Amino acid sequence: MHSVSAAAVLTALALCLPIASQALQAPPVELTAQQKVNAAIEKLLTQMQGAWRLDELKTPTKPAERRNEIGFCLVSGNYMSIEVHLGYVSQDAKIEQTNFQSGTYRIEIKEGGQLVASTAIGAFMNRVGMLQFEPPNVERKYQVEMEADRMNLRRNDGQTLIFQRLPDDKWKHTPLPKQPAPASVEKDKPASADTPK
């Protein structure tokens, strides 16, 4: 049996390592055009996830003067819920001409940031001020633009919903402190067979 010195083994390993590391380094894989589109869509959908507060509503059909609006958006997976309330402040500081729209939508993002929202369930105020439910599968199309913690949803008719991301720490559950039972509960408790009288 031949004895092999440690130095010879180490020398052989040192010579093989560059070859092995070169073999492990595969050339970078070039993504196809469709894979790049899919990656951009996935990135946009990931950026949209979470809770949002309406910061501004731009619409060519409703004047901005004296208008008050509040709204929220929640995106989870491939679903988006939006609720928007608006009204106008009268000269005597009352809210009038109120309007609202609320709904949950299945969303699909297409190439170039186009979002197609299809109604799962929704309701709105109709032209005579009555609550009306929206039929399922009504489609709305938006162009999505993300800017840091802002999400802009712009429709072809010019209406734009500008949302600001809500900080996550606002939504953390804070347990209520435990309170001792009031003394009156102990006094009023009915006597049972085990309780001494």
Foldseek 3Di string as FASTA:
>chain_A
DDDDDPVVVVVVVVVCVVVVVVVVDDDDDDDDPVVVQVVVQVVVLVLPAAKWKFPDKDAPPDDPPQKDKTKMWHRDDQKIKIKMKMFGQDPVRDTDPIKMKIFMFGWDAGGQQKIKTWTPWMWIQDPVRDIDIDDGGDIFIFRWDDDPQWIWTAGPNGIITIIGGDDPVVPDDDDDDDDDDDPVCVVPDDDDPPRDD
